[in-house]
Amino acid sequence: MKKSMLIAALATTALSAPAFAEEVTLQLKWVTQAQFAGYYVALENGYYEDAGLDVTVLPGGPDIAPTQVIAGGGADVIVEWMPAALAARENGLPLVNIAQPFKSSGMMLTCWADVGIEGPETLANRTLGVWFFGNEYPFLSWMSQLGMGTDGKGENSVEVLKQGFNVDPLLQRQADCISTMTYNEYGQVIDSGVAPEELITFKYEDQGVATLEDGLYVMEENLSDPAFVERMEKFVAASMQGWKWAEENPEEAAMIVLDYDETGAQTEAHQIRMMNEVAKLTAGSNGALDSGDYERTVATLLAGGSDPVITKQPEGAFTTAITDKALAAQ
């Protein structure tokens, strides 16, 4: 009798046990910070687990290029900026945008106000700090639209300083302006003791050259696999659940990010501030790529004069099939 009851109990347990979790590896564009809070929230709150997924989140860093990681098979999906993704696609790496959690761009140029810079037209003959490794594309498009060269030669040109991922060039007066994100480096400048009124900023959104940031990209060939597509549908749905929770609970989301930061480099105050700023960028997005935002990004990248970021209209660079199914399932 006891043996029969044990067999019945084991059978019931087997039937109620969750199915084998499907593995997904996500490569981030940068280090563990609130810029990626939605994914860590989805991990911590069990949204991925509820979807039957076993998700590994790989932090990025200055020596990690997401495009190279996915090209080498090290990730199923990556977080990347659209300029870099489209440039990579034109150069032979067939990346496809499957979701766009970030609606707005956080990129801007932060300048000293005491050097006489009043508007974009007064940037000529200045030294500007610019991030490279794919992050320079929006800047180069902007300069092209302003009719300014970037070789530091001539009257209507700027001197480009290859900027590391810090704010030292501005603080040390090596550059009149540097690249900053609304949610990160700008706050670092303020934390150094600089008052906001000592600065002038140019948001790429306001200059009409904003390009999409922090989209989710996969390799095109994988989209022919129904099992992979279904896995990405679950992943996107759970990730967006994490993002919306993070928007509504910024302080709690920041604390979750800190728990996942194995370096111990992040601080509570900085991550809370970052999460509040990031929430402004993800607000208005349900994860689906907006066609108008996509077209604006492409137009900006094509408008590069003699040196455009991309040279032709991309084909097959995004799909809405994943988000169509992911949003319908919510």
C-alpha atoms as a PDB file:
ATOM      1  CA  MET A   1       0.000   0.000   0.000  1.00  0.00           C
ATOM      2  CA  LYS A   2       2.792   2.383   1.009  1.00  0.00           C
ATOM      3  CA  LYS A   3       4.703   1.490  -2.155  1.00  0.00           C
ATOM      4  CA  SER A   4       1.661   2.241  -4.303  1.00  0.00           C
ATOM      5  CA  MET A   5       1.205   5.604  -2.545  1.00  0.00           C
ATOM      6  CA  LEU A   6       4.893   6.461  -3.099  1.00  0.00           C
ATOM      7  CA  ILE A   7       4.686   5.628  -6.808  1.00  0.00           C
ATOM      8  CA  ALA A   8       1.537   7.761  -7.119  1.00  0.00           C
ATOM      9  CA  ALA A   9       3.206  10.641  -5.301  1.00  0.00           C
ATOM     10  CA  LEU A  10       6.279  10.472  -7.523  1.00  0.00           C
ATOM     11  CA  ALA A  11       4.102  10.426 -10.629  1.00  0.00           C
ATOM     12  CA  THR A  12       2.173  13.460  -9.424  1.00  0.00           C
ATOM     13  CA  THR A  13       5.435  15.297  -8.699  1.00  0.00           C
ATOM     14  CA  ALA A  14       6.776  14.482 -12.145  1.00  0.00           C
ATOM     15  CA  LEU A  15       3.630  15.769 -13.810  1.00  0.00           C
ATOM     16  CA  SER A  16       3.668  19.018 -11.818  1.00  0.00           C
ATOM     17  CA  ALA A  17       7.398  19.676 -12.161  1.00  0.00           C
ATOM     18  CA  PRO A  18       8.343  22.487 -14.544  1.00  0.00           C
ATOM     19  CA  ALA A  19       9.541  21.538 -17.989  1.00  0.00           C
ATOM     20  CA  PHE A  20      13.259  21.649 -18.694  1.00  0.00           C
ATOM     21  CA  ALA A  21      14.277  25.297 -18.802  1.00  0.00           C
ATOM     22  CA  GLU A  22      15.476  26.568 -22.165  1.00  0.00           C
ATOM     23  CA  GLU A  23      18.823  28.333 -22.014  1.00  0.00           C
ATOM     24  CA  VAL A  24      19.303  31.898 -23.274  1.00  0.00           C
ATOM     25  CA  THR A  25      22.547  33.867 -23.084  1.00  0.00           C
ATOM     26  CA  LEU A  26      22.310  37.657 -23.214  1.00  0.00           C
ATOM     27  CA  GLN A  27      25.408  39.791 -23.834  1.00  0.00           C
ATOM     28  CA  LEU A  28      25.121  43.327 -22.458  1.00  0.00           C
ATOM     29  CA  LYS A  29      26.707  46.347 -24.108  1.00  0.00           C
ATOM     30  CA  TRP A  30      28.367  47.559 -20.921  1.00  0.00           C
ATOM     31  CA  VAL A  31      29.037  46.645 -17.296  1.00  0.00           C
ATOM     32  CA  THR A  32      26.373  45.683 -14.777  1.00  0.00           C
ATOM     33  CA  GLN A  33      24.434  48.878 -14.065  1.00  0.00           C
ATOM     34  CA  ALA A  34      20.890  50.253 -14.108  1.00  0.00           C
ATOM     35  CA  GLN A  35      21.136  50.779 -17.881  1.00  0.00           C
ATOM     36  CA  PHE A  36      20.223  47.072 -18.017  1.00  0.00           C
ATOM     37  CA  ALA A  37      17.945  46.931 -14.989  1.00  0.00           C
ATOM     38  CA  GLY A  38      15.032  45.303 -16.810  1.00  0.00           C
ATOM     39  CA  TYR A  39      17.000  42.122 -17.452  1.00  0.00           C
ATOM     40  CA  TYR A  40      18.248  41.833 -13.879  1.00  0.00           C
ATOM     41  CA  VAL A  41      14.755  42.493 -12.549  1.00  0.00           C
ATOM     42  CA  ALA A  42      13.391  39.743 -14.792  1.00  0.00           C
ATOM     43  CA  LEU A  43      16.037  37.417 -13.367  1.00  0.00           C
ATOM     44  CA  GLU A  44      15.471  38.384  -9.738  1.00  0.00           C
ATOM     45  CA  ASN A  45      11.666  38.465  -9.864  1.00  0.00           C
ATOM     46  CA  GLY A  46      11.478  35.107 -11.594  1.00  0.00           C
ATOM     47  CA  TYR A  47       9.938  36.326 -14.850  1.00  0.00           C
ATOM     48  CA  TYR A  48      12.386  34.313 -16.937  1.00  0.00           C
ATOM     49  CA  GLU A  49      11.900  31.257 -14.779  1.00  0.00           C
ATOM     50  CA  ASP A  50       8.126  31.574 -15.063  1.00  0.00           C
ATOM     51  CA  ALA A  51       8.551  31.610 -18.849  1.00  0.00           C
ATOM     52  CA  GLY A  52      10.550  28.390 -18.713  1.00  0.00           C
ATOM     53  CA  LEU A  53      13.866  30.077 -19.421  1.00  0.00           C
ATOM     54  CA  ASP A  54      17.306  29.742 -17.863  1.00  0.00           C
ATOM     55  CA  VAL A  55      18.850  33.115 -18.717  1.00  0.00           C
ATOM     56  CA  THR A  56      22.525  33.978 -18.323  1.00  0.00           C
ATOM     57  CA  VAL A  57      23.344  37.693 -18.423  1.00  0.00           C
ATOM     58  CA  LEU A  58      26.920  38.472 -19.452  1.00  0.00           C
ATOM     59  CA  PRO A  59      28.224  41.923 -18.446  1.00  0.00           C
ATOM     60  CA  GLY A  60      30.074  43.949 -21.050  1.00  0.00           C
ATOM     61  CA  GLY A  61      33.092  46.178 -20.673  1.00  0.00           C
ATOM     62  CA  PRO A  62      35.616  48.313 -22.553  1.00  0.00           C
ATOM     63  CA  ASP A  63      37.196  45.254 -24.171  1.00  0.00           C
ATOM     64  CA  ILE A  64      33.963  43.455 -25.029  1.00  0.00           C
ATOM     65  CA  ALA A  65      32.170  44.103 -28.318  1.00  0.00           C
ATOM     66  CA  PRO A  66      28.697  42.504 -28.316  1.00  0.00           C
ATOM     67  CA  THR A  67      28.806  42.102 -32.103  1.00  0.00           C
ATOM     68  CA  GLN A  68      31.992  40.052 -31.850  1.00  0.00           C
ATOM     69  CA  VAL A  69      30.573  37.946 -29.036  1.00  0.00           C
ATOM     70  CA  ILE A  70      27.454  36.963 -30.975  1.00  0.00           C
ATOM     71  CA  ALA A  71      29.449  36.452 -34.177  1.00  0.00           C
ATOM     72  CA  GLY A  72      31.598  33.955 -32.291  1.00  0.00           C
ATOM     73  CA  GLY A  73      28.585  32.119 -30.890  1.00  0.00           C
ATOM     74  CA  GLY A  74      29.061  33.405 -27.350  1.00  0.00           C
ATOM     75  CA  ALA A  75      25.522  34.759 -27.005  1.00  0.00           C
ATOM     76  CA  ASP A  76      22.027  34.146 -28.364  1.00  0.00           C
ATOM     77  CA  VAL A  77      21.012  37.790 -28.145  1.00  0.00           C
ATOM     78  CA  ILE A  78      22.869  41.048 -27.524  1.00  0.00           C
ATOM     79  CA  VAL A  79      22.124  44.579 -26.384  1.00  0.00           C
ATOM     80  CA  GLU A  80      23.509  46.965 -28.986  1.00  0.00           C
ATOM     81  CA  TRP A  81      22.990  50.447 -30.403  1.00  0.00           C
ATOM     82  CA  MET A  82      21.374  50.492 -33.823  1.00  0.00           C
ATOM     83  CA  PRO A  83      24.160  52.460 -35.571  1.00  0.00           C
ATOM     84  CA  ALA A  84      26.697  49.800 -34.656  1.00  0.00           C
ATOM     85  CA  ALA A  85      24.286  46.988 -35.513  1.00  0.00           C
ATOM     86  CA  LEU A  86      23.411  48.398 -38.938  1.00  0.00           C
ATOM     87  CA  ALA A  87      27.052  49.116 -39.727  1.00  0.00           C
ATOM     88  CA  ALA A  88      27.927  45.549 -38.750  1.00  0.00           C
ATOM     89  CA  ARG A  89      25.102  44.220 -40.922  1.00  0.00           C
ATOM     90  CA  GLU A  90      26.324  46.159 -43.949  1.00  0.00           C
ATOM     91  CA  ASN A  91      29.795  44.780 -43.308  1.00  0.00           C
ATOM     92  CA  GLY A  92      28.592  41.187 -43.381  1.00  0.00           C
ATOM     93  CA  LEU A  93      27.331  40.360 -39.870  1.00  0.00           C
ATOM     94  CA  PRO A  94      23.575  39.731 -40.360  1.00  0.00           C
ATOM     95  CA  LEU A  95      22.158  41.163 -37.139  1.00  0.00           C
ATOM     96  CA  VAL A  96      18.410  41.622 -36.793  1.00  0.00           C
ATOM     97  CA  ASN A  97      16.625  43.829 -34.266  1.00  0.00           C
ATOM     98  CA  ILE A  98      13.901  41.776 -32.537  1.00  0.00           C
ATOM     99  CA  ALA A  99      12.860  44.302 -29.860  1.00  0.00           C
ATOM    100  CA  GLN A 100      13.495  47.893 -28.800  1.00  0.00           C
ATOM    101  CA  PRO A 101      13.060  48.470 -25.040  1.00  0.00           C
ATOM    102  CA  PHE A 102      14.618  51.977 -25.251  1.00  0.00           C
ATOM    103  CA  LYS A 103      12.325  54.531 -26.896  1.00  0.00           C
ATOM    104  CA  SER A 104      14.600  57.579 -26.540  1.00  0.00           C
ATOM    105  CA  SER A 105      18.314  58.306 -26.747  1.00  0.00           C
ATOM    106  CA  GLY A 106      20.287  59.276 -23.662  1.00  0.00           C
ATOM    107  CA  MET A 107      23.315  60.499 -25.596  1.00  0.00           C
ATOM    108  CA  MET A 108      24.478  64.095 -25.407  1.00  0.00           C
ATOM    109  CA  LEU A 109      27.499  66.336 -25.672  1.00  0.00           C
ATOM    110  CA  THR A 110      28.407  68.089 -22.420  1.00  0.00           C
ATOM    111  CA  CYS A 111      30.512  71.249 -22.714  1.00  0.00           C
ATOM    112  CA  TRP A 112      32.038  73.926 -20.531  1.00  0.00           C
ATOM    113  CA  ALA A 113      29.860  77.027 -20.690  1.00  0.00           C
ATOM    114  CA  ASP A 114      32.805  79.396 -20.153  1.00  0.00           C
ATOM    115  CA  VAL A 115      34.540  78.618 -23.471  1.00  0.00           C
ATOM    116  CA  GLY A 116      32.020  80.504 -25.581  1.00  0.00           C
ATOM    117  CA  ILE A 117      29.940  77.608 -26.866  1.00  0.00           C
ATOM    118  CA  GLU A 118      26.351  78.756 -27.296  1.00  0.00           C
ATOM    119  CA  GLY A 119      24.915  76.492 -29.979  1.00  0.00           C
ATOM    120  CA  PRO A 120      25.924  73.660 -32.297  1.00  0.00           C
ATOM    121  CA  GLU A 121      27.266  76.141 -34.858  1.00  0.00           C
ATOM    122  CA  THR A 122      29.859  77.307 -32.307  1.00  0.00           C
ATOM    123  CA  LEU A 123      31.399  73.850 -31.913  1.00  0.00           C
ATOM    124  CA  ALA A 124      33.782  74.502 -34.809  1.00  0.00           C
ATOM    125  CA  ASN A 125      37.466  74.673 -33.880  1.00  0.00           C
ATOM    126  CA  ARG A 126      36.784  73.003 -30.531  1.00  0.00           C
ATOM    127  CA  THR A 127      38.210  69.801 -29.090  1.00  0.00           C
ATOM    128  CA  LEU A 128      35.429  67.293 -28.574  1.00  0.00           C
ATOM    129  CA  GLY A 129      35.674  64.018 -26.709  1.00  0.00           C
ATOM    130  CA  VAL A 130      34.048  61.192 -28.656  1.00  0.00           C
ATOM    131  CA  TRP A 131      33.494  57.542 -27.779  1.00  0.00           C
ATOM    132  CA  PHE A 132      34.478  55.068 -30.464  1.00  0.00           C
ATOM    133  CA  PHE A 133      33.939  51.287 -30.832  1.00  0.00           C
ATOM    134  CA  GLY A 134      30.697  51.959 -32.710  1.00  0.00           C
ATOM    135  CA  ASN A 135      29.506  54.773 -30.462  1.00  0.00           C
ATOM    136  CA  GLU A 136      30.959  57.453 -32.730  1.00  0.00           C
ATOM    137  CA  TYR A 137      28.436  56.970 -35.540  1.00  0.00           C
ATOM    138  CA  PRO A 138      25.696  59.347 -34.297  1.00  0.00           C
ATOM    139  CA  PHE A 139      28.327  62.015 -33.617  1.00  0.00           C
ATOM    140  CA  LEU A 140      29.841  61.729 -37.085  1.00  0.00           C
ATOM    141  CA  SER A 141      26.395  61.988 -38.654  1.00  0.00           C
ATOM    142  CA  TRP A 142      25.664  65.088 -36.586  1.00  0.00           C
ATOM    143  CA  MET A 143      28.900  66.781 -37.619  1.00  0.00           C
ATOM    144  CA  SER A 144      28.204  65.938 -41.260  1.00  0.00           C
ATOM    145  CA  GLN A 145      24.765  67.509 -41.043  1.00  0.00           C
ATOM    146  CA  LEU A 146      26.345  70.610 -39.507  1.00  0.00           C
ATOM    147  CA  GLY A 147      28.829  70.697 -42.376  1.00  0.00           C
ATOM    148  CA  MET A 148      31.756  70.362 -40.009  1.00  0.00           C
ATOM    149  CA  GLY A 149      34.827  68.274 -40.640  1.00  0.00           C
ATOM    150  CA  THR A 150      36.228  65.995 -37.960  1.00  0.00           C
ATOM    151  CA  ASP A 151      39.911  66.065 -38.872  1.00  0.00           C
ATOM    152  CA  GLY A 152      40.731  69.292 -37.045  1.00  0.00           C
ATOM    153  CA  LYS A 153      41.791  70.956 -40.278  1.00  0.00           C
ATOM    154  CA  GLY A 154      40.279  74.118 -41.681  1.00  0.00           C
ATOM    155  CA  GLU A 155      38.051  76.776 -40.193  1.00  0.00           C
ATOM    156  CA  ASN A 156      34.913  74.660 -40.001  1.00  0.00           C
ATOM    157  CA  SER A 157      36.220  71.533 -38.366  1.00  0.00           C
ATOM    158  CA  VAL A 158      36.439  70.000 -34.924  1.00  0.00           C
ATOM    159  CA  GLU A 159      39.331  68.258 -33.244  1.00  0.00           C
ATOM    160  CA  VAL A 160      38.190  64.800 -32.152  1.00  0.00           C
ATOM    161  CA  LEU A 161      39.689  63.380 -28.980  1.00  0.00           C
ATOM    162  CA  LYS A 162      39.175  59.634 -28.648  1.00  0.00           C
ATOM    163  CA  GLN A 163      37.530  59.559 -25.270  1.00  0.00           C
ATOM    164  CA  GLY A 164      37.818  56.743 -22.781  1.00  0.00           C
ATOM    165  CA  PHE A 165      34.724  55.766 -20.835  1.00  0.00           C
ATOM    166  CA  ASN A 166      35.231  58.454 -18.206  1.00  0.00           C
ATOM    167  CA  VAL A 167      34.836  62.220 -17.829  1.00  0.00           C
ATOM    168  CA  ASP A 168      38.490  63.105 -17.206  1.00  0.00           C
ATOM    169  CA  PRO A 169      39.041  64.976 -20.507  1.00  0.00           C
ATOM    170  CA  LEU A 170      36.414  67.542 -19.512  1.00  0.00           C
ATOM    171  CA  LEU A 171      37.433  67.884 -15.883  1.00  0.00           C
ATOM    172  CA  GLN A 172      41.095  68.230 -16.845  1.00  0.00           C
ATOM    173  CA  ARG A 173      40.235  70.725 -19.599  1.00  0.00           C
ATOM    174  CA  GLN A 174      41.698  68.498 -22.292  1.00  0.00           C
ATOM    175  CA  ALA A 175      38.444  68.896 -24.226  1.00  0.00           C
ATOM    176  CA  ASP A 176      35.836  71.622 -24.460  1.00  0.00           C
ATOM    177  CA  CYS A 177      33.083  69.006 -24.669  1.00  0.00           C
ATOM    178  CA  ILE A 178      32.787  65.282 -24.037  1.00  0.00           C
ATOM    179  CA  SER A 179      30.317  62.526 -24.806  1.00  0.00           C
ATOM    180  CA  THR A 180      27.989  61.751 -21.917  1.00  0.00           C
ATOM    181  CA  MET A 181      24.826  59.796 -21.280  1.00  0.00           C
ATOM    182  CA  THR A 182      21.979  61.435 -19.409  1.00  0.00           C
ATOM    183  CA  TYR A 183      21.935  58.526 -16.978  1.00  0.00           C
ATOM    184  CA  ASN A 184      25.646  58.108 -16.343  1.00  0.00           C
ATOM    185  CA  GLU A 185      28.563  60.388 -17.207  1.00  0.00           C
ATOM    186  CA  TYR A 186      26.662  63.658 -16.842  1.00  0.00           C
ATOM    187  CA  GLY A 187      25.997  62.719 -13.228  1.00  0.00           C
ATOM    188  CA  GLN A 188      29.676  61.911 -12.765  1.00  0.00           C
ATOM    189  CA  VAL A 189      30.570  65.436 -13.890  1.00  0.00           C
ATOM    190  CA  ILE A 190      28.126  66.907 -11.398  1.00  0.00           C
ATOM    191  CA  ASP A 191      29.400  64.612  -8.636  1.00  0.00           C
ATOM    192  CA  SER A 192      32.913  65.964  -9.229  1.00  0.00           C
ATOM    193  CA  GLY A 193      31.752  69.352  -7.951  1.00  0.00           C
ATOM    194  CA  VAL A 194      30.779  71.046 -11.226  1.00  0.00           C
ATOM    195  CA  ALA A 195      27.526  72.995 -11.025  1.00  0.00           C
ATOM    196  CA  PRO A 196      24.933  72.437 -13.786  1.00  0.00           C
ATOM    197  CA  GLU A 197      25.032  76.142 -14.678  1.00  0.00           C
ATOM    198  CA  GLU A 198      28.732  75.759 -15.524  1.00  0.00           C
ATOM    199  CA  LEU A 199      27.792  73.415 -18.349  1.00  0.00           C
ATOM    200  CA  ILE A 200      25.927  73.491 -21.634  1.00  0.00           C
ATOM    201  CA  THR A 201      24.518  70.283 -23.053  1.00  0.00           C
ATOM    202  CA  PHE A 202      23.317  69.202 -26.488  1.00  0.00           C
ATOM    203  CA  LYS A 203      21.001  66.202 -26.441  1.00  0.00           C
ATOM    204  CA  TYR A 204      21.083  64.246 -29.665  1.00  0.00           C
ATOM    205  CA  GLU A 205      17.282  63.951 -29.461  1.00  0.00           C
ATOM    206  CA  ASP A 206      17.015  67.761 -29.585  1.00  0.00           C
ATOM    207  CA  GLN A 207      19.459  67.985 -32.497  1.00  0.00           C
ATOM    208  CA  GLY A 208      17.403  65.641 -34.657  1.00  0.00           C
ATOM    209  CA  VAL A 209      20.189  63.069 -34.951  1.00  0.00           C
ATOM    210  CA  ALA A 210      19.183  60.717 -32.156  1.00  0.00           C
ATOM    211  CA  THR A 211      19.614  57.091 -33.099  1.00  0.00           C
ATOM    212  CA  LEU A 212      18.126  54.090 -31.354  1.00  0.00           C
ATOM    213  CA  GLU A 213      20.069  52.661 -28.438  1.00  0.00           C
ATOM    214  CA  ASP A 214      19.997  49.425 -26.450  1.00  0.00           C
ATOM    215  CA  GLY A 215      17.946  47.270 -28.796  1.00  0.00           C
ATOM    216  CA  LEU A 216      17.937  43.476 -28.732  1.00  0.00           C
ATOM    217  CA  TYR A 217      19.646  41.794 -31.698  1.00  0.00           C
ATOM    218  CA  VAL A 218      20.043  38.205 -32.879  1.00  0.00           C
ATOM    219  CA  MET A 219      21.694  36.513 -35.834  1.00  0.00           C
ATOM    220  CA  GLU A 220      19.389  36.363 -38.850  1.00  0.00           C
ATOM    221  CA  GLU A 221      20.013  32.681 -39.531  1.00  0.00           C
ATOM    222  CA  ASN A 222      18.612  31.736 -36.119  1.00  0.00           C
ATOM    223  CA  LEU A 223      15.233  33.237 -36.991  1.00  0.00           C
ATOM    224  CA  SER A 224      14.620  30.341 -39.373  1.00  0.00           C
ATOM    225  CA  ASP A 225      14.532  28.011 -36.358  1.00  0.00           C
ATOM    226  CA  PRO A 226      10.981  27.909 -34.866  1.00  0.00           C
ATOM    227  CA  ALA A 227      12.318  26.770 -31.491  1.00  0.00           C
ATOM    228  CA  PHE A 228      14.705  29.725 -31.314  1.00  0.00           C
ATOM    229  CA  VAL A 229      11.938  32.148 -32.316  1.00  0.00           C
ATOM    230  CA  GLU A 230       9.660  30.795 -29.598  1.00  0.00           C
ATOM    231  CA  ARG A 231      12.478  31.128 -27.076  1.00  0.00           C
ATOM    232  CA  MET A 232      13.018  34.752 -28.063  1.00  0.00           C
ATOM    233  CA  GLU A 233       9.292  35.469 -27.791  1.00  0.00           C
ATOM    234  CA  LYS A 234       9.380  34.263 -24.191  1.00  0.00           C
ATOM    235  CA  PHE A 235      12.587  36.142 -23.516  1.00  0.00           C
ATOM    236  CA  VAL A 236      11.293  39.466 -24.880  1.00  0.00           C
ATOM    237  CA  ALA A 237       7.979  39.172 -23.024  1.00  0.00           C
ATOM    238  CA  ALA A 238       9.706  38.456 -19.705  1.00  0.00           C
ATOM    239  CA  SER A 239      12.325  41.176 -20.303  1.00  0.00           C
ATOM    240  CA  MET A 240       9.667  43.809 -20.953  1.00  0.00           C
ATOM    241  CA  GLN A 241       7.867  42.711 -17.810  1.00  0.00           C
ATOM    242  CA  GLY A 242      11.130  43.390 -16.013  1.00  0.00           C
ATOM    243  CA  TRP A 243      11.530  46.787 -17.669  1.00  0.00           C
ATOM    244  CA  LYS A 244       8.046  47.979 -16.773  1.00  0.00           C
ATOM    245  CA  TRP A 245       8.529  46.867 -13.163  1.00  0.00           C
ATOM    246  CA  ALA A 246      11.840  48.738 -13.086  1.00  0.00           C
ATOM    247  CA  GLU A 247      10.178  51.902 -14.405  1.00  0.00           C
ATOM    248  CA  GLU A 248       7.558  51.749 -11.669  1.00  0.00           C
ATOM    249  CA  ASN A 249      10.004  50.789  -8.909  1.00  0.00           C
ATOM    250  CA  PRO A 250      13.266  52.594  -9.716  1.00  0.00           C
ATOM    251  CA  GLU A 251      14.846  52.435  -6.272  1.00  0.00           C
ATOM    252  CA  GLU A 252      14.077  48.749  -5.824  1.00  0.00           C
ATOM    253  CA  ALA A 253      15.332  48.044  -9.340  1.00  0.00           C
ATOM    254  CA  ALA A 254      18.598  49.832  -8.569  1.00  0.00           C
ATOM    255  CA  MET A 255      19.051  47.663  -5.483  1.00  0.00           C
ATOM    256  CA  ILE A 256      18.550  44.531  -7.590  1.00  0.00           C
ATOM    257  CA  VAL A 257      21.243  45.727 -10.018  1.00  0.00           C
ATOM    258  CA  LEU A 258      23.628  46.281  -7.108  1.00  0.00           C
ATOM    259  CA  ASP A 259      23.043  42.709  -5.943  1.00  0.00           C
ATOM    260  CA  TYR A 260      24.186  41.444  -9.355  1.00  0.00           C
ATOM    261  CA  ASP A 261      27.260  43.712  -9.546  1.00  0.00           C
ATOM    262  CA  GLU A 262      30.092  41.334  -8.728  1.00  0.00           C
ATOM    263  CA  THR A 263      32.724  44.065  -9.041  1.00  0.00           C
ATOM    264  CA  GLY A 264      31.402  46.158  -6.169  1.00  0.00           C
ATOM    265  CA  ALA A 265      32.205  49.234  -8.249  1.00  0.00           C
ATOM    266  CA  GLN A 266      28.674  50.657  -8.314  1.00  0.00           C
ATOM    267  CA  THR A 267      27.188  52.832  -5.589  1.00  0.00           C
ATOM    268  CA  GLU A 268      23.615  53.032  -4.353  1.00  0.00           C
ATOM    269  CA  ALA A 269      23.161  56.747  -5.018  1.00  0.00           C
ATOM    270  CA  HIS A 270      24.567  56.530  -8.549  1.00  0.00           C
ATOM    271  CA  GLN A 271      22.458  53.517  -9.491  1.00  0.00           C
ATOM    272  CA  ILE A 272      19.248  55.050  -8.154  1.00  0.00           C
ATOM    273  CA  ARG A 273      19.899  58.222 -10.129  1.00  0.00           C
ATOM    274  CA  MET A 274      20.764  56.165 -13.210  1.00  0.00           C
ATOM    275  CA  MET A 275      17.596  54.090 -12.937  1.00  0.00           C
ATOM    276  CA  ASN A 276      15.445  57.215 -12.680  1.00  0.00           C
ATOM    277  CA  GLU A 277      17.045  58.589 -15.854  1.00  0.00           C
ATOM    278  CA  VAL A 278      16.897  55.281 -17.723  1.00  0.00           C
ATOM    279  CA  ALA A 279      13.194  55.017 -16.893  1.00  0.00           C
ATOM    280  CA  LYS A 280      12.669  58.199 -18.939  1.00  0.00           C
ATOM    281  CA  LEU A 281      14.233  56.465 -21.966  1.00  0.00           C
ATOM    282  CA  THR A 282      12.287  53.205 -21.734  1.00  0.00           C
ATOM    283  CA  ALA A 283       9.011  55.018 -21.014  1.00  0.00           C
ATOM    284  CA  GLY A 284       6.683  54.818 -23.997  1.00  0.00           C
ATOM    285  CA  SER A 285       8.110  51.551 -25.299  1.00  0.00           C
ATOM    286  CA  ASN A 286       6.309  48.241 -25.029  1.00  0.00           C
ATOM    287  CA  GLY A 287       9.286  46.541 -26.638  1.00  0.00           C
ATOM    288  CA  ALA A 288       8.129  46.879 -30.240  1.00  0.00           C
ATOM    289  CA  LEU A 289      10.339  48.808 -32.648  1.00  0.00           C
ATOM    290  CA  ASP A 290       8.657  52.016 -33.802  1.00  0.00           C
ATOM    291  CA  SER A 291       8.946  52.331 -37.581  1.00  0.00           C
ATOM    292  CA  GLY A 292       9.313  56.115 -37.378  1.00  0.00           C
ATOM    293  CA  ASP A 293      12.216  55.825 -34.924  1.00  0.00           C
ATOM    294  CA  TYR A 294      13.833  53.234 -37.174  1.00  0.00           C
ATOM    295  CA  GLU A 295      13.477  55.368 -40.285  1.00  0.00           C
ATOM    296  CA  ARG A 296      14.891  58.415 -38.492  1.00  0.00           C
ATOM    297  CA  THR A 297      17.887  56.382 -37.362  1.00  0.00           C
ATOM    298  CA  VAL A 298      18.542  55.075 -40.860  1.00  0.00           C
ATOM    299  CA  ALA A 299      18.174  58.540 -42.389  1.00  0.00           C
ATOM    300  CA  THR A 300      20.630  59.966 -39.866  1.00  0.00           C
ATOM    301  CA  LEU A 301      23.180  57.258 -40.601  1.00  0.00           C
ATOM    302  CA  LEU A 302      22.835  57.633 -44.364  1.00  0.00           C
ATOM    303  CA  ALA A 303      23.298  61.410 -44.123  1.00  0.00           C
ATOM    304  CA  GLY A 304      27.024  61.183 -43.648  1.00  0.00           C
ATOM    305  CA  GLY A 305      28.179  63.096 -46.685  1.00  0.00           C
ATOM    306  CA  SER A 306      31.257  61.491 -48.206  1.00  0.00           C
ATOM    307  CA  ASP A 307      31.648  59.177 -45.208  1.00  0.00           C
ATOM    308  CA  PRO A 308      28.215  57.859 -44.186  1.00  0.00           C
ATOM    309  CA  VAL A 309      27.842  55.256 -41.464  1.00  0.00           C
ATOM    310  CA  ILE A 310      25.893  53.054 -43.874  1.00  0.00           C
ATOM    311  CA  THR A 311      25.824  53.473 -47.635  1.00  0.00           C
ATOM    312  CA  LYS A 312      22.475  51.925 -48.540  1.00  0.00           C
ATOM    313  CA  GLN A 313      19.006  51.335 -47.152  1.00  0.00           C
ATOM    314  CA  PRO A 314      19.170  48.229 -44.955  1.00  0.00           C
ATOM    315  CA  GLU A 315      17.006  45.261 -45.835  1.00  0.00           C
ATOM    316  CA  GLY A 316      15.813  42.725 -43.295  1.00  0.00           C
ATOM    317  CA  ALA A 317      17.494  44.570 -40.418  1.00  0.00           C
ATOM    318  CA  PHE A 318      14.539  44.183 -38.063  1.00  0.00           C
ATOM    319  CA  THR A 319      11.511  42.008 -37.485  1.00  0.00           C
ATOM    320  CA  THR A 320       8.332  42.674 -35.531  1.00  0.00           C
ATOM    321  CA  ALA A 321       7.355  38.994 -35.500  1.00  0.00           C
ATOM    322  CA  ILE A 322       8.929  38.418 -32.072  1.00  0.00           C
ATOM    323  CA  THR A 323       7.268  41.370 -30.339  1.00  0.00           C
ATOM    324  CA  ASP A 324       3.951  40.718 -32.081  1.00  0.00           C
ATOM    325  CA  LYS A 325       3.789  37.309 -30.431  1.00  0.00           C
ATOM    326  CA  ALA A 326       5.401  38.427 -27.149  1.00  0.00           C
ATOM    327  CA  LEU A 327       2.944  41.299 -26.657  1.00  0.00           C
ATOM    328  CA  ALA A 328      -0.040  39.184 -27.640  1.00  0.00           C
ATOM    329  CA  ALA A 329       0.912  36.689 -24.944  1.00  0.00           C
ATOM    330  CA  GLN A 330       0.912  39.316 -22.186  1.00  0.00           C
END
